[in-house]
């Protein structure tokens, strides 16, 4: 999807979905390399009522192979659907704490 940035610069928005078990496991292993405090800090705000975890990664650092969680706009937005049943925020938070705690 193409759009314009704040300064009328061209912006390309990419959407992707990881569904294969192996790819999901590889992605989780990559995320586990991030210090857990970066994920667990303010976890309540990073998760919605359905148990989706929202993270932002510094775009420039990600292009260099370094995933660094940020709170600013120039970032890669990632939505992670936590497999918590029933799908509630409290259950998903518990699962995230087990994975990264």
C-alpha atoms as a PDB file:
ATOM      1  CA  UNK A   1       0.000   0.000   0.000  1.00  0.00           C
ATOM      2  CA  UNK A   2       1.448   3.367  -0.996  1.00  0.00           C
ATOM      3  CA  UNK A   3       0.713   6.614   0.810  1.00  0.00           C
ATOM      4  CA  UNK A   4       2.320   9.978   1.548  1.00  0.00           C
ATOM      5  CA  UNK A   5       4.313  10.879   4.631  1.00  0.00           C
ATOM      6  CA  UNK A   6       4.112  14.056   6.669  1.00  0.00           C
ATOM      7  CA  UNK A   7       6.498  15.858   4.303  1.00  0.00           C
ATOM      8  CA  UNK A   8       4.737  14.507   1.176  1.00  0.00           C
ATOM      9  CA  UNK A   9       7.396  11.834   0.847  1.00  0.00           C
ATOM     10  CA  UNK A  10       6.307   8.459  -0.546  1.00  0.00           C
ATOM     11  CA  UNK A  11       5.658   5.802   2.122  1.00  0.00           C
ATOM     12  CA  UNK A  12       5.240   2.115   1.421  1.00  0.00           C
ATOM     13  CA  UNK A  13       3.176   0.190   3.974  1.00  0.00           C
ATOM     14  CA  UNK A  14       3.749  -3.557   4.071  1.00  0.00           C
ATOM     15  CA  UNK A  15       1.466  -6.079   5.751  1.00  0.00           C
ATOM     16  CA  UNK A  16       2.433  -9.658   6.488  1.00  0.00           C
ATOM     17  CA  UNK A  17       1.215 -12.567   8.551  1.00  0.00           C
ATOM     18  CA  UNK A  18       3.256 -15.391  10.040  1.00  0.00           C
ATOM     19  CA  UNK A  19       1.170 -18.553  10.193  1.00  0.00           C
ATOM     20  CA  UNK A  20       3.434 -21.573   9.739  1.00  0.00           C
ATOM     21  CA  UNK A  21       4.390 -23.142  13.071  1.00  0.00           C
ATOM     22  CA  UNK A  22       8.105 -23.127  12.275  1.00  0.00           C
ATOM     23  CA  UNK A  23       8.039 -19.439  11.292  1.00  0.00           C
ATOM     24  CA  UNK A  24       6.097 -18.542  14.435  1.00  0.00           C
ATOM     25  CA  UNK A  25       8.597 -20.423  16.615  1.00  0.00           C
ATOM     26  CA  UNK A  26      11.524 -18.727  14.867  1.00  0.00           C
ATOM     27  CA  UNK A  27       9.922 -15.320  15.383  1.00  0.00           C
ATOM     28  CA  UNK A  28       9.294 -16.019  19.078  1.00  0.00           C
ATOM     29  CA  UNK A  29      12.926 -17.140  19.490  1.00  0.00           C
ATOM     30  CA  UNK A  30      14.020 -13.856  17.898  1.00  0.00           C
ATOM     31  CA  UNK A  31      11.775 -11.899  20.265  1.00  0.00           C
ATOM     32  CA  UNK A  32      13.172 -13.799  23.254  1.00  0.00           C
ATOM     33  CA  UNK A  33      16.568 -12.207  22.533  1.00  0.00           C
ATOM     34  CA  UNK A  34      15.067  -8.842  23.481  1.00  0.00           C
ATOM     35  CA  UNK A  35      15.517  -8.025  27.184  1.00  0.00           C
ATOM     36  CA  UNK A  36      12.295  -9.139  28.878  1.00  0.00           C
ATOM     37  CA  UNK A  37      11.951  -5.833  30.716  1.00  0.00           C
ATOM     38  CA  UNK A  38      11.463  -4.090  27.344  1.00  0.00           C
ATOM     39  CA  UNK A  39       8.441  -6.281  26.644  1.00  0.00           C
ATOM     40  CA  UNK A  40       7.069  -6.579  30.171  1.00  0.00           C
ATOM     41  CA  UNK A  41       7.308  -2.845  30.967  1.00  0.00           C
ATOM     42  CA  UNK A  42       3.889  -1.286  30.577  1.00  0.00           C
ATOM     43  CA  UNK A  43       2.496  -4.610  29.329  1.00  0.00           C
ATOM     44  CA  UNK A  44      -1.054  -3.620  30.227  1.00  0.00           C
ATOM     45  CA  UNK A  45      -0.873  -0.728  27.735  1.00  0.00           C
ATOM     46  CA  UNK A  46       0.741  -2.870  25.018  1.00  0.00           C
ATOM     47  CA  UNK A  47      -2.115  -5.380  25.011  1.00  0.00           C
ATOM     48  CA  UNK A  48      -5.737  -4.971  24.023  1.00  0.00           C
ATOM     49  CA  UNK A  49      -8.784  -6.635  25.585  1.00  0.00           C
ATOM     50  CA  UNK A  50      -8.654  -9.496  23.054  1.00  0.00           C
ATOM     51  CA  UNK A  51      -5.115 -10.456  24.066  1.00  0.00           C
ATOM     52  CA  UNK A  52      -3.304  -8.955  21.080  1.00  0.00           C
ATOM     53  CA  UNK A  53       0.190  -7.741  21.976  1.00  0.00           C
ATOM     54  CA  UNK A  54       1.303  -4.595  20.142  1.00  0.00           C
ATOM     55  CA  UNK A  55       5.020  -3.841  19.856  1.00  0.00           C
ATOM     56  CA  UNK A  56       6.945  -1.185  17.948  1.00  0.00           C
ATOM     57  CA  UNK A  57      10.481  -1.704  16.715  1.00  0.00           C
ATOM     58  CA  UNK A  58      12.926   1.002  15.681  1.00  0.00           C
ATOM     59  CA  UNK A  59      12.823   0.924  11.887  1.00  0.00           C
ATOM     60  CA  UNK A  60      16.443   1.924  11.279  1.00  0.00           C
ATOM     61  CA  UNK A  61      17.856  -0.571  13.795  1.00  0.00           C
ATOM     62  CA  UNK A  62      15.618  -3.344  12.447  1.00  0.00           C
ATOM     63  CA  UNK A  63      17.105  -2.793   8.977  1.00  0.00           C
ATOM     64  CA  UNK A  64      20.493  -3.493  10.590  1.00  0.00           C
ATOM     65  CA  UNK A  65      19.192  -6.709  12.189  1.00  0.00           C
ATOM     66  CA  UNK A  66      18.686  -5.301  15.702  1.00  0.00           C
ATOM     67  CA  UNK A  67      15.193  -5.424  17.211  1.00  0.00           C
ATOM     68  CA  UNK A  68      14.828  -2.560  19.662  1.00  0.00           C
ATOM     69  CA  UNK A  69      11.431  -1.746  21.188  1.00  0.00           C
ATOM     70  CA  UNK A  70      10.487   1.928  20.990  1.00  0.00           C
ATOM     71  CA  UNK A  71       7.522   4.145  21.762  1.00  0.00           C
ATOM     72  CA  UNK A  72       7.943   6.646  18.911  1.00  0.00           C
ATOM     73  CA  UNK A  73       6.430   6.911  15.456  1.00  0.00           C
ATOM     74  CA  UNK A  74       9.253   5.970  13.043  1.00  0.00           C
ATOM     75  CA  UNK A  75       8.802   2.307  13.753  1.00  0.00           C
ATOM     76  CA  UNK A  76       7.680  -1.079  12.577  1.00  0.00           C
ATOM     77  CA  UNK A  77       4.349  -1.946  14.168  1.00  0.00           C
ATOM     78  CA  UNK A  78       3.836  -5.586  15.104  1.00  0.00           C
ATOM     79  CA  UNK A  79       0.611  -7.182  16.325  1.00  0.00           C
ATOM     80  CA  UNK A  80       0.989 -10.564  18.019  1.00  0.00           C
ATOM     81  CA  UNK A  81      -2.120 -12.648  18.609  1.00  0.00           C
ATOM     82  CA  UNK A  82      -1.467 -14.518  21.849  1.00  0.00           C
ATOM     83  CA  UNK A  83      -2.958 -18.024  21.899  1.00  0.00           C
ATOM     84  CA  UNK A  84      -4.606 -17.637  25.298  1.00  0.00           C
ATOM     85  CA  UNK A  85      -7.899 -19.375  26.002  1.00  0.00           C
ATOM     86  CA  UNK A  86     -10.330 -17.984  26.674  1.00  0.00           C
ATOM     87  CA  UNK A  87      -9.090 -15.000  24.666  1.00  0.00           C
ATOM     88  CA  UNK A  88      -8.995 -12.384  27.399  1.00  0.00           C
ATOM     89  CA  UNK A  89      -6.413  -9.792  28.295  1.00  0.00           C
ATOM     90  CA  UNK A  90      -5.675 -11.321  31.703  1.00  0.00           C
ATOM     91  CA  UNK A  91      -4.943 -14.752  30.189  1.00  0.00           C
ATOM     92  CA  UNK A  92      -2.761 -13.275  27.454  1.00  0.00           C
ATOM     93  CA  UNK A  93      -0.768 -11.204  29.970  1.00  0.00           C
ATOM     94  CA  UNK A  94      -0.158 -14.362  32.002  1.00  0.00           C
ATOM     95  CA  UNK A  95       1.083 -16.142  28.865  1.00  0.00           C
ATOM     96  CA  UNK A  96       3.441 -13.264  27.952  1.00  0.00           C
ATOM     97  CA  UNK A  97       4.853 -13.257  31.498  1.00  0.00           C
ATOM     98  CA  UNK A  98       5.467 -17.022  31.218  1.00  0.00           C
ATOM     99  CA  UNK A  99       7.250 -16.590  27.877  1.00  0.00           C
ATOM    100  CA  UNK A 100       9.415 -13.621  28.861  1.00  0.00           C
ATOM    101  CA  UNK A 101       9.272 -13.622  32.668  1.00  0.00           C
END
